Amino acid sequence: MISRGRALSVSTSITVEGCPTSALWGPYCNQTIETIGCSQFSRYNNSRDLLGLTINTRKILKTKENTRRTSFLSRSNHPIGHQLESNSTSVVGVENLITCAISNDSLCLRQGDIKFYFLDIVNQALQFEITAANFRLSQSASLICYLRCNALPQRDLHDYSGDISSAPLVIKLPNIGRWYIAIEILNKTQMRNTTAPMLDTICFSFDWQVTGCLNGKTGTDCLWEAYVLQRVPKRNPSVPFESYYVPTDERALLEYSHFSLEKFLTNSSFEQFAWTYFFLDVPQGSAGALIHVQLKSDKELNYELYSKYGGLPSNDSWDYYASRTSSSNSSVFYSLQNSTDSDMDLSIFYAKEGTWCFGVKHPNYTSNSQTYMSISLQGCHRNCNQKGVCHASVDESGLTFYSSFCTCDRDHGGFDCSDELVSPNGHIRQSVFLIASNAAAILPAFWALRQKAFAEWILYTSSGISSALYHSCDVGTW
């Protein structure tokens, strides 16, 4: 193949400035973000991860609380909480409900002041509830709470907000990640964009509560099965972080990149359809990879597949969706190809680093079909369909995988070399006619030889032969 131009190399420098720690913010990094943590005994003191506490649920713990109080109580999988008074000895039965509070002597605000907190949620939770208590507000004042996942909330930029002075703010099925919470006191007349007098300093207590399911269950009623998938690196990977995911269960083998789906499906008789969820983690530094999911069955597929980043997908909330009859093809980062009545093949390009959840919605009746599911982290889509070479872009350290792309052969194109530019027979015809076109040099060469113009004869003959060789190389004949 002949190169028709020069290759240009372009370098880009991106600078990101920030505070030295996540507990500081502001243009001069002189404002603090307080950590939300439960006051636990020994190694659980001031935990920033409320759902990540690994506590023996069979023990009864006795703790003495001063400015903070914690209460856990649950019946079966339906948590019930009871608040405890400060400066008292409490008996705590640990289960799946975590409640914490800050007393009114540690949180005081004036009108216009904003106080920030953050809370890490690393496991799927049922709900996250924020309540204000022990405060005295005038009829014209409101205690406004703003929440945002993985970013600081603002008045005009947040995920959730509410007046917690009148009712608790409840977030159903919150996403996994770091939640930032902002508390502000506003005058109701100020909220209507009118002039309002300044309020005095107000102190109050701030309660938060996170609830989750036990025993590998999830969903609003803790009815559905949930599994964590383990990432298994592939041998001799073509790109960094190339791997596949399998359940951490004896029903699946790490040696195989696929597993039987029917062995893990939820068995429930409460509804017509049931859900089964699979959680996986895309490691840091693999932003250039794609998630490839494949379902293969020996019968007609009766499943729907939902996916969501950082949270639990449902009928109303999902990032990508696919079934036998329809899919969410509106995104450029999603592809559903080569799917049939018994096969489903989808890819999510440039998957975000972090936790992904795939939910399988399936009928509640027992099926005698055999369906295999495989989830993998790949570089190029379908490995360039064996019609090209996959290349990976990494940083200088080799630890961050930015992107992957295909270099296709001359008969194929597209981002995964799946588009046939010319058929094999068409390529042969193109090569024959292009090379044969150089036979036009025969006539002037024959005329020069008849005229005994040997210099011109050599020129015409060598030009025809050289042109034929050039086009033979250019079309890939050799």
Protein backbone atom coordinates (compact mmCIF):
# COMPACT_ATOMS: atom_id res chain seq x y z
CA MET A 1 0.00 0.00 0.00
CA ILE A 2 1.37 3.40 -0.97
CA SER A 3 1.22 6.26 1.52
CA ARG A 4 -0.22 9.39 -0.08
CA GLY A 5 0.59 11.86 2.67
CA ARG A 6 2.52 12.63 5.83
CA ALA A 7 1.34 11.48 9.25
CA LEU A 8 0.96 14.32 11.73
CA SER A 9 1.45 13.92 15.47
CA VAL A 10 -0.58 16.18 17.79
CA SER A 11 -0.09 16.46 21.57
CA THR A 12 -2.58 17.97 24.00
CA SER A 13 -2.05 19.10 27.57
CA ILE A 14 -4.97 19.28 30.04
CA THR A 15 -4.52 20.82 33.47
CA VAL A 16 -7.00 20.22 36.27
CA GLU A 17 -6.72 22.32 39.42
CA GLY A 18 -8.33 21.35 42.71
CA CYS A 19 -8.00 21.33 46.46
CA PRO A 20 -5.48 18.94 48.05
CA THR A 21 -8.19 16.89 49.81
CA SER A 22 -11.85 16.10 49.15
CA ALA A 23 -12.77 17.73 52.46
CA LEU A 24 -11.94 21.24 51.15
CA TRP A 25 -13.67 23.37 48.56
CA GLY A 26 -13.99 26.95 47.38
CA PRO A 27 -11.83 29.17 45.15
CA TYR A 28 -9.17 29.34 47.87
CA CYS A 29 -9.75 25.86 49.35
CA ASN A 30 -10.59 27.47 52.70
CA GLN A 31 -14.06 25.96 53.17
CA THR A 32 -14.65 22.47 54.55
CA ILE A 33 -16.89 19.58 53.61
CA GLU A 34 -17.68 17.54 56.68
CA THR A 35 -17.80 13.77 56.57
CA ILE A 36 -21.01 11.99 57.46
CA GLY A 37 -20.12 9.06 59.68
CA CYS A 38 -21.68 6.89 62.34
CA SER A 39 -20.13 6.84 65.78
CA GLN A 40 -19.35 3.15 66.12
CA PHE A 41 -17.20 1.21 68.52
CA SER A 42 -13.52 0.35 67.80
CA ARG A 43 -12.67 0.16 64.11
CA TYR A 44 -16.04 1.49 62.93
CA ASN A 45 -15.48 4.96 64.39
CA ASN A 46 -16.37 7.80 62.00
CA SER A 47 -16.89 5.52 59.04
CA ARG A 48 -17.47 7.43 55.84
CA ASP A 49 -19.09 4.41 54.23
CA LEU A 50 -22.40 3.70 55.93
CA LEU A 51 -23.32 0.68 53.86
CA GLY A 52 -19.77 -0.63 53.83
CA LEU A 53 -19.71 -1.41 57.55
CA THR A 54 -19.01 -5.10 58.07
CA ILE A 55 -20.63 -5.83 61.39
CA ASN A 56 -21.60 -9.15 62.96
CA THR A 57 -25.40 -9.06 62.87
CA ARG A 58 -25.77 -11.66 65.61
CA LYS A 59 -24.16 -9.56 68.33
CA ILE A 60 -25.84 -7.06 70.63
CA LEU A 61 -23.66 -3.99 71.07
CA LYS A 62 -23.74 -1.49 73.92
CA THR A 63 -22.44 2.00 73.16
CA LYS A 64 -22.59 5.34 74.91
CA GLU A 65 -23.45 8.28 72.68
CA ASN A 66 -22.85 11.94 73.48
CA THR A 67 -23.29 14.35 70.60
CA ARG A 68 -24.16 11.65 68.04
CA ARG A 69 -26.56 8.73 68.26
CA THR A 70 -26.98 5.61 66.18
CA SER A 71 -29.79 3.09 66.04
CA PHE A 72 -30.17 -0.11 64.05
CA LEU A 73 -33.22 -2.34 64.15
CA SER A 74 -34.77 -4.57 61.52
CA ARG A 75 -37.41 -7.22 61.19
CA SER A 76 -36.69 -9.68 58.40
CA ASN A 77 -35.77 -7.57 55.35
CA HIS A 78 -38.00 -4.62 56.23
CA PRO A 79 -35.98 -2.17 58.38
CA ILE A 80 -37.55 -0.27 61.26
CA GLY A 81 -35.61 2.43 63.12
CA HIS A 82 -35.94 3.95 66.58
CA GLN A 83 -34.12 7.15 67.57
CA LEU A 84 -32.26 7.31 70.88
CA GLU A 85 -31.76 10.28 73.13
CA SER A 86 -28.32 11.89 73.46
CA ASN A 87 -26.15 11.37 76.56
CA SER A 88 -27.70 7.97 77.20
CA THR A 89 -26.59 4.37 77.04
CA SER A 90 -28.17 2.60 74.05
CA VAL A 91 -28.63 -1.02 73.12
CA VAL A 92 -28.04 -1.46 69.39
CA GLY A 93 -29.22 -4.46 67.40
CA VAL A 94 -27.25 -4.34 64.19
CA GLU A 95 -29.08 -5.20 60.96
CA ASN A 96 -29.47 -3.38 57.64
CA LEU A 97 -30.66 0.04 58.83
CA ILE A 98 -28.12 2.75 59.65
CA THR A 99 -29.24 5.99 61.31
CA CYS A 100 -26.97 8.81 62.47
CA ALA A 101 -27.50 12.32 63.79
CA ILE A 102 -25.63 15.52 64.58
CA SER A 103 -26.89 17.32 67.68
CA ASN A 104 -28.06 20.91 67.59
CA ASP A 105 -24.94 22.29 69.24
CA SER A 106 -22.74 21.38 66.27
CA LEU A 107 -24.79 22.74 63.34
CA CYS A 108 -25.77 26.40 63.32
CA LEU A 109 -26.46 28.46 60.22
CA ARG A 110 -27.38 31.99 59.31
CA GLN A 111 -29.44 33.01 56.34
CA GLY A 112 -27.38 32.63 53.17
CA ASP A 113 -24.80 30.31 54.72
CA ILE A 114 -24.37 26.86 53.16
CA LYS A 115 -22.94 23.85 54.94
CA PHE A 116 -21.63 20.89 52.93
CA TYR A 117 -21.40 17.19 53.86
CA PHE A 118 -20.54 14.08 51.90
CA LEU A 119 -21.50 10.44 52.27
CA ASP A 120 -20.01 7.42 50.46
CA ILE A 121 -22.41 4.68 49.40
CA VAL A 122 -20.55 1.68 47.96
CA ASN A 123 -23.37 -0.89 48.00
CA GLN A 124 -26.84 -0.72 46.58
CA ALA A 125 -29.26 0.94 49.04
CA LEU A 126 -33.04 0.96 49.16
CA GLN A 127 -33.37 4.57 50.19
CA PHE A 128 -31.52 7.51 51.67
CA GLU A 129 -33.50 9.78 54.01
CA ILE A 130 -32.53 13.15 55.49
CA THR A 131 -34.46 14.70 58.39
CA ALA A 132 -34.06 17.92 60.38
CA ALA A 133 -35.15 18.11 64.00
CA ASN A 134 -34.78 20.13 67.20
CA PHE A 135 -34.97 23.51 65.53
CA ARG A 136 -37.12 26.61 65.79
CA LEU A 137 -37.81 28.41 62.57
CA SER A 138 -40.10 31.34 61.99
CA GLN A 139 -43.02 30.89 59.68
CA SER A 140 -41.13 32.70 56.95
CA ALA A 141 -37.99 30.48 57.12
CA SER A 142 -37.21 27.17 55.43
CA LEU A 143 -34.38 24.67 55.76
CA ILE A 144 -33.43 23.71 52.21
CA CYS A 145 -31.39 20.58 51.44
CA TYR A 146 -29.67 19.98 48.09
CA LEU A 147 -28.20 16.62 47.02
CA ARG A 148 -25.99 15.68 44.11
CA CYS A 149 -24.11 12.50 43.30
CA ASN A 150 -20.33 12.80 42.69
CA ALA A 151 -20.42 16.61 42.51
CA LEU A 152 -21.12 19.59 44.75
CA PRO A 153 -24.77 20.70 44.57
CA GLN A 154 -25.85 24.25 43.89
CA ARG A 155 -29.14 26.07 44.08
CA ASP A 156 -29.71 25.76 40.35
CA LEU A 157 -27.72 22.55 39.76
CA HIS A 158 -28.57 19.48 41.85
CA ASP A 159 -30.13 16.04 41.60
CA TYR A 160 -32.60 16.36 44.47
CA SER A 161 -33.79 19.15 46.75
CA GLY A 162 -36.44 19.72 49.38
CA ASP A 163 -37.52 21.66 52.43
CA ILE A 164 -36.53 19.30 55.27
CA SER A 165 -38.01 21.64 57.88
CA SER A 166 -41.48 20.50 56.82
CA ALA A 167 -40.89 16.89 55.69
CA PRO A 168 -37.97 14.44 55.31
CA LEU A 169 -36.20 14.26 51.97
CA VAL A 170 -36.28 10.63 50.76
CA ILE A 171 -34.20 9.36 47.83
CA LYS A 172 -35.36 5.98 46.53
CA LEU A 173 -32.67 3.60 45.23
CA PRO A 174 -29.79 6.12 45.35
CA ASN A 175 -26.87 5.65 43.00
CA ILE A 176 -23.64 4.17 44.26
CA GLY A 177 -20.96 6.80 44.75
CA ARG A 178 -20.21 9.89 46.81
CA TRP A 179 -23.26 11.98 47.67
CA TYR A 180 -22.73 15.65 48.49
CA ILE A 181 -25.30 17.33 50.73
CA ALA A 182 -25.78 21.09 51.09
CA ILE A 183 -27.90 22.66 53.84
CA GLU A 184 -29.10 26.26 53.59
CA ILE A 185 -31.55 28.47 55.48
CA LEU A 186 -33.72 30.58 53.19
CA ASN A 187 -36.48 33.05 53.83
CA LYS A 188 -39.64 32.03 51.98
CA THR A 189 -40.05 35.58 50.72
CA GLN A 190 -36.47 35.39 49.44
CA MET A 191 -37.43 32.22 47.53
CA ARG A 192 -40.02 34.35 45.74
CA ASN A 193 -37.28 36.79 44.68
CA THR A 194 -38.48 39.60 46.93
CA THR A 195 -36.68 41.59 49.58
CA ALA A 196 -36.68 39.81 52.96
CA PRO A 197 -35.22 40.65 56.38
CA MET A 198 -32.21 38.73 57.65
CA LEU A 199 -32.83 35.85 60.05
CA ASP A 200 -30.95 35.14 63.23
CA THR A 201 -28.60 32.19 63.59
CA ILE A 202 -30.53 28.92 63.84
CA CYS A 203 -29.22 25.65 65.29
CA PHE A 204 -30.73 22.28 64.57
CA SER A 205 -29.97 18.55 64.47
CA PHE A 206 -29.42 16.75 61.22
CA ASP A 207 -30.41 13.08 60.85
CA TRP A 208 -29.65 10.80 57.95
CA GLN A 209 -30.66 7.21 57.37
CA VAL A 210 -29.54 4.65 54.81
CA THR A 211 -31.30 1.31 54.42
CA GLY A 212 -30.39 -1.75 52.37
CA CYS A 213 -31.26 -5.40 51.87
CA LEU A 214 -29.52 -8.44 53.34
CA ASN A 215 -28.56 -11.90 52.09
CA GLY A 216 -27.87 -10.97 48.48
CA LYS A 217 -31.28 -9.38 47.90
CA THR A 218 -32.20 -6.04 46.38
CA GLY A 219 -35.20 -4.15 45.03
CA THR A 220 -37.81 -2.01 46.78
CA ASP A 221 -39.15 -5.00 48.75
CA CYS A 222 -35.88 -6.98 48.94
CA LEU A 223 -37.38 -9.71 46.74
CA TRP A 224 -34.92 -9.88 43.84
CA GLU A 225 -31.61 -11.73 43.67
CA ALA A 226 -28.42 -9.67 43.31
CA TYR A 227 -24.96 -10.99 42.45
CA VAL A 228 -21.52 -9.38 42.36
CA LEU A 229 -19.45 -10.37 39.32
CA GLN A 230 -15.74 -10.97 39.61
CA ARG A 231 -13.40 -9.63 36.94
CA VAL A 232 -11.05 -12.27 35.49
CA PRO A 233 -8.20 -10.91 33.30
CA LYS A 234 -7.73 -12.67 29.97
CA ARG A 235 -4.51 -14.38 29.09
CA ASN A 236 -2.43 -12.56 26.48
CA PRO A 237 -4.82 -9.59 26.17
CA SER A 238 -4.74 -7.57 22.97
CA VAL A 239 -5.45 -4.33 24.89
CA PRO A 240 -5.02 -3.34 28.56
CA PHE A 241 -7.72 -4.40 31.07
CA GLU A 242 -9.19 -6.99 28.69
CA SER A 243 -11.17 -9.36 30.92
CA TYR A 244 -14.49 -11.13 31.52
CA TYR A 245 -16.90 -11.26 34.46
CA VAL A 246 -18.38 -14.28 36.25
CA PRO A 247 -20.39 -14.58 39.48
CA THR A 248 -18.50 -15.25 42.70
CA ASP A 249 -20.49 -18.41 43.23
CA GLU A 250 -19.80 -22.14 42.98
CA ARG A 251 -22.46 -22.33 40.26
CA ALA A 252 -20.05 -20.56 37.87
CA LEU A 253 -16.50 -21.50 36.94
CA LEU A 254 -13.74 -18.91 36.62
CA GLU A 255 -12.21 -20.85 33.72
CA TYR A 256 -15.18 -20.06 31.46
CA SER A 257 -16.17 -16.61 30.26
CA HIS A 258 -19.89 -17.51 30.25
CA PHE A 259 -22.30 -18.90 32.82
CA SER A 260 -25.77 -20.44 32.84
CA LEU A 261 -28.31 -17.69 33.45
CA GLU A 262 -31.16 -19.92 34.65
CA LYS A 263 -29.13 -21.01 37.70
CA PHE A 264 -29.14 -17.45 39.04
CA LEU A 265 -32.64 -16.20 38.18
CA THR A 266 -34.97 -15.04 40.94
CA ASN A 267 -37.75 -17.43 41.91
CA SER A 268 -40.71 -15.42 43.16
CA SER A 269 -44.47 -15.88 42.99
CA PHE A 270 -45.53 -12.33 43.87
CA GLU A 271 -45.54 -10.79 40.39
CA GLN A 272 -45.80 -11.86 36.77
CA PHE A 273 -42.22 -10.77 36.05
CA ALA A 274 -39.14 -11.00 38.27
CA TRP A 275 -35.76 -9.27 38.25
CA THR A 276 -32.22 -10.55 38.68
CA TYR A 277 -29.36 -8.09 39.04
CA PHE A 278 -25.64 -8.41 38.31
CA PHE A 279 -23.16 -5.83 39.62
CA LEU A 280 -19.71 -5.36 38.13
CA ASP A 281 -16.89 -2.88 38.54
CA VAL A 282 -15.05 -1.21 35.65
CA PRO A 283 -11.55 -0.53 37.05
CA GLN A 284 -9.84 2.82 37.15
CA GLY A 285 -7.80 3.58 34.05
CA SER A 286 -9.97 1.59 31.61
CA ALA A 287 -12.13 4.40 30.24
CA GLY A 288 -11.24 3.42 26.67
CA ALA A 289 -12.76 -0.05 26.98
CA LEU A 290 -16.26 -1.26 26.14
CA ILE A 291 -18.64 -3.60 27.96
CA HIS A 292 -19.80 -6.46 25.76
CA VAL A 293 -22.86 -8.46 26.88
CA GLN A 294 -24.14 -11.54 25.08
CA LEU A 295 -27.10 -13.82 25.69
CA LYS A 296 -27.40 -17.12 23.82
CA SER A 297 -30.31 -19.50 24.25
CA ASP A 298 -31.40 -22.78 22.73
CA LYS A 299 -34.93 -21.39 22.50
CA GLU A 300 -36.59 -18.05 21.92
CA LEU A 301 -35.30 -15.42 24.33
CA ASN A 302 -37.90 -14.25 26.80
CA TYR A 303 -35.67 -11.82 28.67
CA GLU A 304 -35.23 -8.05 28.74
CA LEU A 305 -31.88 -6.53 29.66
CA TYR A 306 -31.51 -3.18 31.44
CA SER A 307 -28.27 -1.48 32.44
CA LYS A 308 -27.49 1.53 34.60
CA TYR A 309 -24.33 3.16 35.86
CA GLY A 310 -24.07 3.48 39.63
CA GLY A 311 -27.60 2.36 40.41
CA LEU A 312 -30.35 -0.19 40.10
CA PRO A 313 -32.11 -0.23 36.70
CA SER A 314 -35.87 -0.52 36.51
CA ASN A 315 -38.73 -0.05 34.06
CA ASP A 316 -38.62 3.70 34.65
CA SER A 317 -34.91 4.33 35.24
CA TRP A 318 -32.15 2.90 33.03
CA ASP A 319 -29.26 4.00 30.83
CA TYR A 320 -29.47 1.28 28.15
CA TYR A 321 -32.16 -1.25 27.31
CA ALA A 322 -32.41 -4.23 24.97
CA SER A 323 -34.94 -6.97 24.25
CA ARG A 324 -35.76 -9.33 21.42
CA THR A 325 -38.01 -6.75 19.76
CA SER A 326 -36.63 -3.32 20.69
CA SER A 327 -33.67 -1.47 22.18
CA SER A 328 -32.35 1.99 23.10
CA ASN A 329 -30.44 2.71 19.90
CA SER A 330 -30.56 6.49 20.33
CA SER A 331 -27.12 6.68 21.97
CA VAL A 332 -23.87 6.70 19.99
CA PHE A 333 -22.22 4.83 22.89
CA TYR A 334 -24.50 1.82 22.51
CA SER A 335 -24.71 -0.87 19.85
CA LEU A 336 -27.06 -3.84 19.41
CA GLN A 337 -25.93 -6.03 16.52
CA ASN A 338 -26.42 -9.51 15.14
CA SER A 339 -29.33 -10.19 17.48
CA THR A 340 -31.88 -12.90 16.66
CA ASP A 341 -34.82 -14.52 18.42
CA SER A 342 -32.42 -16.66 20.45
CA ASP A 343 -29.34 -14.38 20.65
CA MET A 344 -28.77 -10.90 22.06
CA ASP A 345 -25.48 -9.09 21.47
CA LEU A 346 -24.91 -5.56 22.77
CA SER A 347 -21.97 -3.27 23.56
CA ILE A 348 -21.55 -0.13 25.65
CA PHE A 349 -18.66 1.98 24.33
CA TYR A 350 -16.33 3.99 26.54
CA ALA A 351 -17.96 2.65 29.70
CA LYS A 352 -17.55 4.86 32.76
CA GLU A 353 -15.17 3.69 35.43
CA GLY A 354 -17.07 2.50 38.49
CA THR A 355 -20.02 0.26 39.31
CA TRP A 356 -22.43 -0.91 36.62
CA CYS A 357 -25.60 -2.89 37.22
CA PHE A 358 -27.29 -5.14 34.65
CA GLY A 359 -30.86 -6.16 35.38
CA VAL A 360 -32.50 -9.13 33.67
CA LYS A 361 -36.29 -8.96 33.61
CA HIS A 362 -37.76 -12.40 33.08
CA PRO A 363 -41.09 -14.24 33.46
CA ASN A 364 -41.78 -15.76 36.85
CA TYR A 365 -42.59 -19.22 35.57
CA THR A 366 -39.87 -21.85 35.36
CA SER A 367 -38.39 -22.18 31.88
CA ASN A 368 -36.76 -25.32 30.53
CA SER A 369 -34.52 -23.35 28.19
CA GLN A 370 -30.75 -23.11 28.51
CA THR A 371 -29.38 -19.59 28.26
CA TYR A 372 -25.74 -18.60 28.60
CA MET A 373 -24.70 -15.09 29.53
CA SER A 374 -21.27 -13.55 29.05
CA ILE A 375 -20.06 -10.09 30.09
CA SER A 376 -16.60 -8.91 29.11
CA LEU A 377 -14.44 -5.80 29.02
CA GLN A 378 -12.92 -5.39 25.56
CA GLY A 379 -10.93 -2.97 23.48
CA CYS A 380 -12.16 -2.86 19.90
CA HIS A 381 -15.71 -3.84 19.15
CA ARG A 382 -15.88 -7.52 18.10
CA ASN A 383 -12.09 -7.44 17.76
CA CYS A 384 -12.49 -5.53 14.49
CA ASN A 385 -14.54 -8.49 13.12
CA GLN A 386 -11.26 -10.14 12.08
CA LYS A 387 -11.06 -7.61 9.26
CA GLY A 388 -8.49 -5.31 10.79
CA VAL A 389 -6.02 -4.71 13.59
CA CYS A 390 -6.96 -3.31 17.00
CA HIS A 391 -4.77 -0.52 18.41
CA ALA A 392 -4.85 0.85 21.96
CA SER A 393 -3.99 4.35 23.18
CA VAL A 394 -2.44 4.51 26.65
CA ASP A 395 -0.67 7.19 28.64
CA GLU A 396 3.08 7.36 29.17
CA SER A 397 2.91 5.22 32.31
CA GLY A 398 0.90 2.53 30.53
CA LEU A 399 -1.60 2.41 33.40
CA THR A 400 -4.43 4.40 31.79
CA PHE A 401 -6.26 3.07 28.75
CA TYR A 402 -7.73 5.99 26.81
CA SER A 403 -9.20 4.51 23.64
CA SER A 404 -8.99 1.74 21.08
CA PHE A 405 -9.52 1.85 17.33
CA CYS A 406 -9.42 -0.45 14.32
CA THR A 407 -7.18 -0.22 11.29
CA CYS A 408 -9.24 -2.03 8.64
CA ASP A 409 -8.11 -3.73 5.46
CA ARG A 410 -8.85 -1.99 2.18
CA ASP A 411 -12.08 -3.95 1.60
CA HIS A 412 -13.74 -2.93 4.89
CA GLY A 413 -14.45 0.21 6.88
CA GLY A 414 -16.37 1.53 9.86
CA PHE A 415 -15.33 1.81 13.50
CA ASP A 416 -15.31 -2.00 13.84
CA CYS A 417 -14.51 -2.90 10.18
CA SER A 418 -18.02 -4.30 9.77
CA ASP A 419 -18.85 -2.24 6.66
CA GLU A 420 -17.86 -3.96 3.42
CA LEU A 421 -16.59 -1.29 1.06
CA VAL A 422 -16.09 -3.63 -1.90
CA SER A 423 -16.91 -7.31 -2.35
CA PRO A 424 -14.15 -9.88 -3.08
CA ASN A 425 -15.35 -10.31 -6.68
CA GLY A 426 -15.59 -6.56 -7.07
CA HIS A 427 -12.07 -6.17 -5.78
CA ILE A 428 -10.78 -8.69 -8.34
CA ARG A 429 -12.59 -6.93 -11.18
CA GLN A 430 -11.30 -3.57 -10.02
CA SER A 431 -7.72 -4.87 -9.91
CA VAL A 432 -7.93 -6.51 -13.36
CA PHE A 433 -9.38 -3.48 -15.11
CA LEU A 434 -7.04 -1.06 -13.38
CA ILE A 435 -3.93 -3.04 -14.26
CA ALA A 436 -5.17 -3.78 -17.77
CA SER A 437 -5.68 -0.08 -18.41
CA ASN A 438 -1.91 0.26 -18.64
CA ALA A 439 -2.02 -1.71 -21.89
CA ALA A 440 -2.70 1.64 -23.54
CA ALA A 441 1.08 2.13 -23.57
CA ILE A 442 1.43 -0.73 -26.09
CA LEU A 443 0.22 1.35 -29.06
CA PRO A 444 2.72 4.26 -28.75
CA ALA A 445 5.50 1.78 -27.94
CA PHE A 446 4.68 -0.24 -31.09
CA TRP A 447 4.56 2.99 -33.20
CA ALA A 448 7.97 4.11 -31.84
CA LEU A 449 9.48 0.72 -32.64
CA ARG A 450 8.14 0.84 -36.24
CA GLN A 451 9.67 4.31 -36.62
CA LYS A 452 12.96 3.03 -35.13
CA ALA A 453 12.67 5.67 -32.40
CA PHE A 454 14.33 3.47 -29.82
CA ALA A 455 14.56 6.14 -27.13
CA GLU A 456 10.80 6.79 -27.30
CA TRP A 457 10.12 3.03 -27.43
CA ILE A 458 12.08 2.51 -24.19
CA LEU A 459 10.25 5.44 -22.56
CA TYR A 460 6.73 4.20 -23.50
CA THR A 461 7.48 0.59 -22.60
CA SER A 462 9.05 1.37 -19.22
CA SER A 463 6.21 3.79 -18.40
CA GLY A 464 3.54 1.14 -19.08
CA ILE A 465 5.35 -1.52 -17.05
CA SER A 466 5.98 0.87 -14.14
CA SER A 467 2.35 2.01 -14.12
CA ALA A 468 1.12 -1.60 -14.07
CA LEU A 469 3.40 -2.42 -11.16
CA TYR A 470 2.25 0.69 -9.29
CA HIS A 471 -1.44 -0.12 -9.65
CA SER A 472 -0.82 -3.75 -8.72
CA CYS A 473 0.66 -2.62 -5.42
CA ASP A 474 -1.93 0.08 -4.88
CA VAL A 475 -4.96 -2.22 -5.09
CA GLY A 476 -3.35 -4.86 -2.89
CA THR A 477 -2.69 -7.48 -5.55
CA TRP A 478 0.73 -8.14 -4.03
